């Protein structure tokens, strides 16, 4: 284990690995519609409808999210300066997205991401000295 990487940074890195895997799965589900990859859409049919409305932009968006999460995960794991900034930017963008979602759609459930993202941001900035 990297002596600068705390258990919390390891957990954040694994969180971004999970984000990369889920967004990568979404990319696959958008490419290969129907068949064996179709049932997971039943977990969130509204997301499926939203991605359909976006057309090919949905694929691009989720591919960028996948790459960004993988970058943050790797950078956090290695305790790099750019990994810190990648994770910080992704968390801030996600929180802005949650607020925007509440304002535009009125879906108050999106607010659950704010305290979670805020705690992650607070921890990450508290541990910024671990990143070179």
N, C-alpha and C. Protein backbone atom coordinates (compact mmCIF):
# COMPACT_ATOMS: atom_id res chain seq x y z
N UNK A 1 0.85 -1.19 0.00
CA UNK A 1 0.00 0.00 0.00
C UNK A 1 0.89 1.24 0.00
N UNK A 2 0.48 2.22 -0.72
CA UNK A 2 1.18 3.50 -0.76
C UNK A 2 1.11 4.13 0.63
N UNK A 3 2.26 4.50 1.21
CA UNK A 3 2.23 5.04 2.58
C UNK A 3 1.44 6.35 2.70
N UNK A 4 1.25 7.07 1.61
CA UNK A 4 0.50 8.32 1.66
C UNK A 4 -1.00 8.08 1.50
N UNK A 5 -1.39 6.88 1.03
CA UNK A 5 -2.81 6.62 0.74
C UNK A 5 -3.50 6.08 1.99
N UNK A 6 -4.40 6.86 2.53
CA UNK A 6 -5.16 6.44 3.70
C UNK A 6 -6.28 5.49 3.27
N UNK A 7 -6.92 4.89 4.24
CA UNK A 7 -8.06 4.01 3.94
C UNK A 7 -9.18 4.79 3.27
N UNK A 8 -9.36 6.05 3.67
CA UNK A 8 -10.41 6.88 3.07
C UNK A 8 -10.13 7.17 1.60
N UNK A 9 -8.88 7.45 1.27
CA UNK A 9 -8.51 7.70 -0.13
C UNK A 9 -8.66 6.42 -0.94
N UNK A 10 -8.31 5.30 -0.33
CA UNK A 10 -8.52 4.01 -1.00
C UNK A 10 -10.01 3.81 -1.29
N UNK A 11 -10.85 4.11 -0.30
CA UNK A 11 -12.30 3.98 -0.50
C UNK A 11 -12.80 4.92 -1.60
N UNK A 12 -12.31 6.15 -1.63
CA UNK A 12 -12.70 7.08 -2.69
C UNK A 12 -12.26 6.57 -4.06
N UNK A 13 -11.06 6.02 -4.12
CA UNK A 13 -10.58 5.46 -5.37
C UNK A 13 -11.49 4.32 -5.84
N UNK A 14 -11.87 3.47 -4.92
CA UNK A 14 -12.77 2.36 -5.27
C UNK A 14 -14.16 2.86 -5.65
N UNK A 15 -14.59 3.95 -5.05
CA UNK A 15 -15.86 4.59 -5.43
C UNK A 15 -15.80 5.01 -6.90
N UNK A 16 -14.68 5.61 -7.31
CA UNK A 16 -14.54 6.02 -8.70
C UNK A 16 -14.37 4.83 -9.64
N UNK A 17 -13.77 3.73 -9.17
CA UNK A 17 -13.73 2.50 -9.97
C UNK A 17 -15.15 2.03 -10.23
N UNK A 18 -15.98 2.02 -9.17
CA UNK A 18 -17.38 1.62 -9.32
C UNK A 18 -18.09 2.53 -10.33
N UNK A 19 -17.86 3.85 -10.23
CA UNK A 19 -18.47 4.79 -11.18
C UNK A 19 -18.03 4.51 -12.60
N UNK A 20 -16.77 4.17 -12.77
CA UNK A 20 -16.27 3.85 -14.11
C UNK A 20 -16.91 2.57 -14.64
N UNK A 21 -17.03 1.56 -13.79
CA UNK A 21 -17.66 0.31 -14.22
C UNK A 21 -19.13 0.50 -14.58
N UNK A 22 -19.86 1.25 -13.77
CA UNK A 22 -21.29 1.46 -14.04
C UNK A 22 -21.51 2.32 -15.29
N UNK A 23 -20.70 3.35 -15.47
CA UNK A 23 -20.86 4.17 -16.68
C UNK A 23 -20.41 3.39 -17.91
N UNK A 24 -19.39 2.54 -17.74
CA UNK A 24 -18.97 1.67 -18.85
C UNK A 24 -20.06 0.67 -19.22
N UNK A 25 -20.73 0.12 -18.19
CA UNK A 25 -21.86 -0.78 -18.45
C UNK A 25 -22.97 -0.03 -19.19
N UNK A 26 -23.21 1.21 -18.80
CA UNK A 26 -24.23 2.00 -19.48
C UNK A 26 -23.87 2.21 -20.94
N UNK A 27 -22.59 2.46 -21.22
CA UNK A 27 -22.14 2.60 -22.61
C UNK A 27 -22.45 1.32 -23.38
N UNK A 28 -22.14 0.18 -22.78
CA UNK A 28 -22.42 -1.10 -23.44
C UNK A 28 -23.93 -1.30 -23.67
N UNK A 29 -24.72 -0.90 -22.68
CA UNK A 29 -26.18 -1.04 -22.79
C UNK A 29 -26.73 -0.11 -23.88
N UNK A 30 -26.07 1.03 -24.08
CA UNK A 30 -26.51 1.94 -25.15
C UNK A 30 -26.10 1.42 -26.52
N UNK A 31 -24.97 0.75 -26.60
CA UNK A 31 -24.50 0.21 -27.88
C UNK A 31 -25.30 -1.03 -28.27
N UNK A 32 -25.43 -1.95 -27.34
CA UNK A 32 -26.09 -3.22 -27.61
C UNK A 32 -27.48 -3.24 -26.99
N UNK A 33 -28.39 -2.57 -27.64
CA UNK A 33 -29.77 -2.46 -27.14
C UNK A 33 -30.49 -3.80 -27.30
N UNK A 34 -31.36 -4.06 -26.34
CA UNK A 34 -32.11 -5.31 -26.38
C UNK A 34 -31.25 -6.45 -25.86
N UNK A 35 -31.77 -7.62 -25.90
CA UNK A 35 -31.01 -8.80 -25.51
C UNK A 35 -30.71 -8.84 -24.02
N UNK A 36 -29.56 -9.42 -23.70
CA UNK A 36 -29.19 -9.69 -22.33
C UNK A 36 -28.93 -8.41 -21.52
N UNK A 37 -28.57 -7.33 -22.18
CA UNK A 37 -28.28 -6.09 -21.46
C UNK A 37 -29.51 -5.19 -21.26
N UNK A 38 -30.65 -5.62 -21.72
CA UNK A 38 -31.85 -4.79 -21.58
C UNK A 38 -32.48 -4.80 -20.18
N UNK A 39 -32.52 -5.92 -19.46
CA UNK A 39 -33.19 -5.93 -18.15
C UNK A 39 -32.70 -4.90 -17.13
N UNK A 40 -31.41 -4.55 -17.08
CA UNK A 40 -31.02 -3.54 -16.08
C UNK A 40 -31.72 -2.19 -16.24
N UNK A 41 -32.20 -1.87 -17.43
CA UNK A 41 -32.92 -0.61 -17.62
C UNK A 41 -34.20 -0.57 -16.78
N UNK A 42 -34.72 -1.73 -16.41
CA UNK A 42 -35.93 -1.76 -15.60
C UNK A 42 -35.70 -1.17 -14.21
N UNK A 43 -34.43 -1.11 -13.78
CA UNK A 43 -34.11 -0.50 -12.49
C UNK A 43 -34.34 1.01 -12.52
N UNK A 44 -34.15 1.63 -13.69
CA UNK A 44 -34.33 3.07 -13.82
C UNK A 44 -34.84 3.41 -15.23
N UNK A 45 -36.12 3.15 -15.47
CA UNK A 45 -36.66 3.40 -16.81
C UNK A 45 -36.61 4.87 -17.21
N UNK A 46 -36.63 5.77 -16.24
CA UNK A 46 -36.54 7.20 -16.56
C UNK A 46 -35.19 7.54 -17.18
N UNK A 47 -34.13 6.92 -16.68
CA UNK A 47 -32.80 7.12 -17.26
C UNK A 47 -32.77 6.59 -18.69
N UNK A 48 -33.40 5.45 -18.90
CA UNK A 48 -33.46 4.88 -20.24
C UNK A 48 -34.14 5.84 -21.20
N UNK A 49 -35.26 6.40 -20.78
CA UNK A 49 -35.98 7.36 -21.61
C UNK A 49 -35.15 8.62 -21.87
N UNK A 50 -34.47 9.09 -20.84
CA UNK A 50 -33.63 10.29 -21.00
C UNK A 50 -32.49 10.04 -21.96
N UNK A 51 -31.85 8.89 -21.86
CA UNK A 51 -30.76 8.56 -22.78
C UNK A 51 -31.28 8.41 -24.20
N UNK A 52 -32.46 7.82 -24.35
CA UNK A 52 -33.07 7.72 -25.69
C UNK A 52 -33.30 9.09 -26.30
N UNK A 53 -33.76 10.03 -25.48
CA UNK A 53 -34.02 11.39 -25.96
C UNK A 53 -32.73 12.10 -26.37
N UNK A 54 -31.62 11.74 -25.75
CA UNK A 54 -30.34 12.37 -26.08
C UNK A 54 -29.74 11.85 -27.38
N UNK A 55 -30.19 10.70 -27.81
CA UNK A 55 -29.64 10.13 -29.03
C UNK A 55 -28.18 9.73 -28.85
N UNK A 56 -27.36 9.95 -29.89
CA UNK A 56 -25.95 9.54 -29.81
C UNK A 56 -25.14 10.31 -28.76
N UNK A 57 -25.64 11.46 -28.31
CA UNK A 57 -24.94 12.22 -27.29
C UNK A 57 -24.87 11.45 -25.97
N UNK A 58 -25.84 10.58 -25.73
CA UNK A 58 -25.84 9.78 -24.50
C UNK A 58 -24.61 8.89 -24.44
N UNK A 59 -24.29 8.27 -25.57
CA UNK A 59 -23.10 7.42 -25.64
C UNK A 59 -21.84 8.24 -25.32
N UNK A 60 -21.72 9.40 -25.95
CA UNK A 60 -20.54 10.25 -25.74
C UNK A 60 -20.45 10.70 -24.27
N UNK A 61 -21.57 11.14 -23.72
CA UNK A 61 -21.59 11.60 -22.33
C UNK A 61 -21.12 10.49 -21.39
N UNK A 62 -21.67 9.31 -21.53
CA UNK A 62 -21.33 8.22 -20.62
C UNK A 62 -19.91 7.71 -20.85
N UNK A 63 -19.42 7.79 -22.06
CA UNK A 63 -18.03 7.41 -22.32
C UNK A 63 -17.08 8.40 -21.63
N UNK A 64 -17.42 9.68 -21.65
CA UNK A 64 -16.60 10.69 -20.97
C UNK A 64 -16.65 10.47 -19.46
N UNK A 65 -17.83 10.17 -18.92
CA UNK A 65 -17.96 9.90 -17.48
C UNK A 65 -17.12 8.68 -17.11
N UNK A 66 -17.16 7.65 -17.92
CA UNK A 66 -16.39 6.43 -17.66
C UNK A 66 -14.90 6.75 -17.63
N UNK A 67 -14.43 7.48 -18.62
CA UNK A 67 -13.01 7.84 -18.69
C UNK A 67 -12.60 8.74 -17.52
N UNK A 68 -13.46 9.70 -17.18
CA UNK A 68 -13.16 10.61 -16.08
C UNK A 68 -13.08 9.86 -14.75
N UNK A 69 -14.02 8.97 -14.51
CA UNK A 69 -14.00 8.19 -13.26
C UNK A 69 -12.78 7.28 -13.20
N UNK A 70 -12.43 6.66 -14.31
CA UNK A 70 -11.24 5.79 -14.34
C UNK A 70 -9.98 6.62 -14.07
N UNK A 71 -9.92 7.80 -14.63
CA UNK A 71 -8.78 8.69 -14.41
C UNK A 71 -8.66 9.07 -12.94
N UNK A 72 -9.78 9.48 -12.34
CA UNK A 72 -9.77 9.85 -10.92
C UNK A 72 -9.39 8.65 -10.05
N UNK A 73 -9.94 7.48 -10.35
CA UNK A 73 -9.64 6.29 -9.56
C UNK A 73 -8.14 5.98 -9.59
N UNK A 74 -7.57 5.99 -10.77
CA UNK A 74 -6.14 5.70 -10.92
C UNK A 74 -5.29 6.77 -10.23
N UNK A 75 -5.66 8.03 -10.43
CA UNK A 75 -4.91 9.12 -9.82
C UNK A 75 -4.98 9.12 -8.30
N UNK A 76 -6.16 8.83 -7.76
CA UNK A 76 -6.29 8.74 -6.30
C UNK A 76 -5.50 7.55 -5.76
N UNK A 77 -5.56 6.44 -6.46
CA UNK A 77 -4.85 5.24 -6.02
C UNK A 77 -3.35 5.50 -5.94
N UNK A 78 -2.85 6.27 -6.91
CA UNK A 78 -1.42 6.60 -6.95
C UNK A 78 -1.07 7.84 -6.14
N UNK A 79 -2.07 8.49 -5.57
CA UNK A 79 -1.90 9.72 -4.77
C UNK A 79 -1.22 10.83 -5.57
N UNK A 80 -1.68 11.02 -6.81
CA UNK A 80 -1.10 12.06 -7.66
C UNK A 80 -1.89 13.37 -7.51
N UNK A 81 -1.20 14.45 -7.81
CA UNK A 81 -1.82 15.78 -7.77
C UNK A 81 -2.99 15.86 -8.75
N UNK A 82 -2.77 15.34 -9.97
CA UNK A 82 -3.84 15.39 -10.98
C UNK A 82 -5.00 14.47 -10.60
N UNK A 83 -4.75 13.39 -9.87
CA UNK A 83 -5.83 12.52 -9.40
C UNK A 83 -6.72 13.24 -8.40
N UNK A 84 -6.07 14.02 -7.51
CA UNK A 84 -6.82 14.83 -6.55
C UNK A 84 -7.73 15.80 -7.29
N UNK A 85 -7.19 16.51 -8.28
CA UNK A 85 -7.98 17.51 -9.01
C UNK A 85 -9.07 16.86 -9.87
N UNK A 86 -8.77 15.71 -10.46
CA UNK A 86 -9.79 15.01 -11.25
C UNK A 86 -10.97 14.63 -10.37
N UNK A 87 -10.68 14.05 -9.20
CA UNK A 87 -11.75 13.65 -8.29
C UNK A 87 -12.53 14.87 -7.80
N UNK A 88 -11.82 15.93 -7.44
CA UNK A 88 -12.47 17.15 -6.96
C UNK A 88 -13.42 17.72 -8.01
N UNK A 89 -12.96 17.81 -9.24
CA UNK A 89 -13.79 18.37 -10.32
C UNK A 89 -15.00 17.48 -10.58
N UNK A 90 -14.81 16.18 -10.61
CA UNK A 90 -15.94 15.27 -10.85
C UNK A 90 -16.99 15.41 -9.75
N UNK A 91 -16.55 15.48 -8.51
CA UNK A 91 -17.50 15.61 -7.40
C UNK A 91 -18.27 16.92 -7.47
N UNK A 92 -17.58 18.02 -7.80
CA UNK A 92 -18.25 19.32 -7.91
C UNK A 92 -19.24 19.32 -9.07
N UNK A 93 -18.83 18.78 -10.22
CA UNK A 93 -19.74 18.72 -11.38
C UNK A 93 -20.96 17.87 -11.04
N UNK A 94 -20.75 16.77 -10.33
CA UNK A 94 -21.88 15.92 -9.96
C UNK A 94 -22.84 16.66 -9.02
N UNK A 95 -22.30 17.42 -8.07
CA UNK A 95 -23.16 18.17 -7.15
C UNK A 95 -23.93 19.26 -7.88
N UNK A 96 -23.28 19.93 -8.82
CA UNK A 96 -23.98 20.94 -9.63
C UNK A 96 -25.08 20.26 -10.45
N UNK A 97 -24.79 19.08 -10.97
CA UNK A 97 -25.80 18.32 -11.71
C UNK A 97 -26.99 17.94 -10.84
N UNK A 98 -26.72 17.56 -9.60
CA UNK A 98 -27.82 17.23 -8.68
C UNK A 98 -28.72 18.44 -8.43
N UNK A 99 -28.10 19.58 -8.19
CA UNK A 99 -28.88 20.80 -7.96
C UNK A 99 -29.67 21.17 -9.21
N UNK A 100 -29.04 21.09 -10.36
CA UNK A 100 -29.71 21.41 -11.62
C UNK A 100 -30.88 20.48 -11.86
N UNK A 101 -30.70 19.21 -11.54
CA UNK A 101 -31.77 18.23 -11.72
C UNK A 101 -32.98 18.58 -10.85
N UNK A 102 -32.74 19.02 -9.64
CA UNK A 102 -33.85 19.41 -8.75
C UNK A 102 -34.57 20.63 -9.33
N UNK A 103 -33.80 21.61 -9.79
CA UNK A 103 -34.40 22.85 -10.31
C UNK A 103 -35.20 22.58 -11.58
N UNK A 104 -34.64 21.79 -12.48
CA UNK A 104 -35.29 21.56 -13.79
C UNK A 104 -36.43 20.56 -13.70
N UNK A 105 -36.20 19.44 -13.01
CA UNK A 105 -37.23 18.39 -13.00
C UNK A 105 -38.09 18.40 -11.74
N UNK A 106 -37.62 19.07 -10.70
CA UNK A 106 -38.37 19.06 -9.45
C UNK A 106 -38.23 17.74 -8.70
N UNK A 107 -37.28 16.91 -9.10
CA UNK A 107 -37.07 15.62 -8.44
C UNK A 107 -36.18 15.82 -7.21
N UNK A 108 -36.80 15.93 -6.06
CA UNK A 108 -36.11 16.22 -4.82
C UNK A 108 -35.20 15.09 -4.37
N UNK A 109 -35.38 13.89 -4.92
CA UNK A 109 -34.52 12.77 -4.56
C UNK A 109 -33.07 13.03 -4.93
N UNK A 110 -32.85 13.90 -5.90
CA UNK A 110 -31.48 14.22 -6.33
C UNK A 110 -30.67 14.89 -5.23
N UNK A 111 -31.36 15.48 -4.26
CA UNK A 111 -30.66 16.19 -3.19
C UNK A 111 -29.87 15.26 -2.28
N UNK A 112 -30.15 13.95 -2.32
CA UNK A 112 -29.41 13.01 -1.48
C UNK A 112 -27.92 13.03 -1.83
N UNK A 113 -27.61 13.38 -3.07
CA UNK A 113 -26.21 13.42 -3.48
C UNK A 113 -25.42 14.57 -2.89
N UNK A 114 -26.11 15.62 -2.46
CA UNK A 114 -25.39 16.80 -1.95
C UNK A 114 -24.63 16.53 -0.65
N UNK A 115 -25.25 16.00 0.39
CA UNK A 115 -24.46 15.74 1.60
C UNK A 115 -23.39 14.67 1.39
N UNK A 116 -23.69 13.68 0.57
CA UNK A 116 -22.71 12.63 0.31
C UNK A 116 -21.52 13.22 -0.44
N UNK A 117 -21.80 13.95 -1.52
CA UNK A 117 -20.73 14.59 -2.28
C UNK A 117 -19.98 15.61 -1.43
N UNK A 118 -20.70 16.33 -0.60
CA UNK A 118 -20.07 17.32 0.28
C UNK A 118 -19.10 16.67 1.26
N UNK A 119 -19.50 15.54 1.82
CA UNK A 119 -18.61 14.82 2.75
C UNK A 119 -17.37 14.30 2.02
N UNK A 120 -17.57 13.79 0.80
CA UNK A 120 -16.42 13.32 0.03
C UNK A 120 -15.47 14.47 -0.30
N UNK A 121 -16.05 15.61 -0.70
CA UNK A 121 -15.22 16.79 -0.98
C UNK A 121 -14.47 17.25 0.26
N UNK A 122 -15.14 17.30 1.38
CA UNK A 122 -14.50 17.73 2.62
C UNK A 122 -13.35 16.80 2.99
N UNK A 123 -13.58 15.50 2.88
CA UNK A 123 -12.52 14.54 3.21
C UNK A 123 -11.34 14.68 2.25
N UNK A 124 -11.65 14.78 0.98
CA UNK A 124 -10.61 14.89 -0.04
C UNK A 124 -9.76 16.14 0.18
N UNK A 125 -10.40 17.26 0.42
CA UNK A 125 -9.63 18.50 0.63
C UNK A 125 -8.86 18.45 1.95
N UNK A 126 -9.42 17.79 2.96
CA UNK A 126 -8.72 17.62 4.23
C UNK A 126 -7.43 16.81 4.04
N UNK A 127 -7.45 15.85 3.11
CA UNK A 127 -6.30 14.97 2.87
C UNK A 127 -5.43 15.44 1.71
N UNK A 128 -5.60 16.67 1.24
CA UNK A 128 -4.88 17.15 0.06
C UNK A 128 -3.38 17.08 0.21
N UNK A 129 -2.87 17.11 1.41
CA UNK A 129 -1.41 17.04 1.61
C UNK A 129 -0.84 15.68 1.21
N UNK A 130 -1.70 14.67 1.06
CA UNK A 130 -1.26 13.33 0.65
C UNK A 130 -0.96 13.24 -0.85
N UNK A 131 -1.29 14.29 -1.59
CA UNK A 131 -1.16 14.26 -3.04
C UNK A 131 0.02 15.12 -3.48
N UNK A 132 0.91 14.51 -4.25
CA UNK A 132 2.09 15.26 -4.73
C UNK A 132 2.03 15.49 -6.21
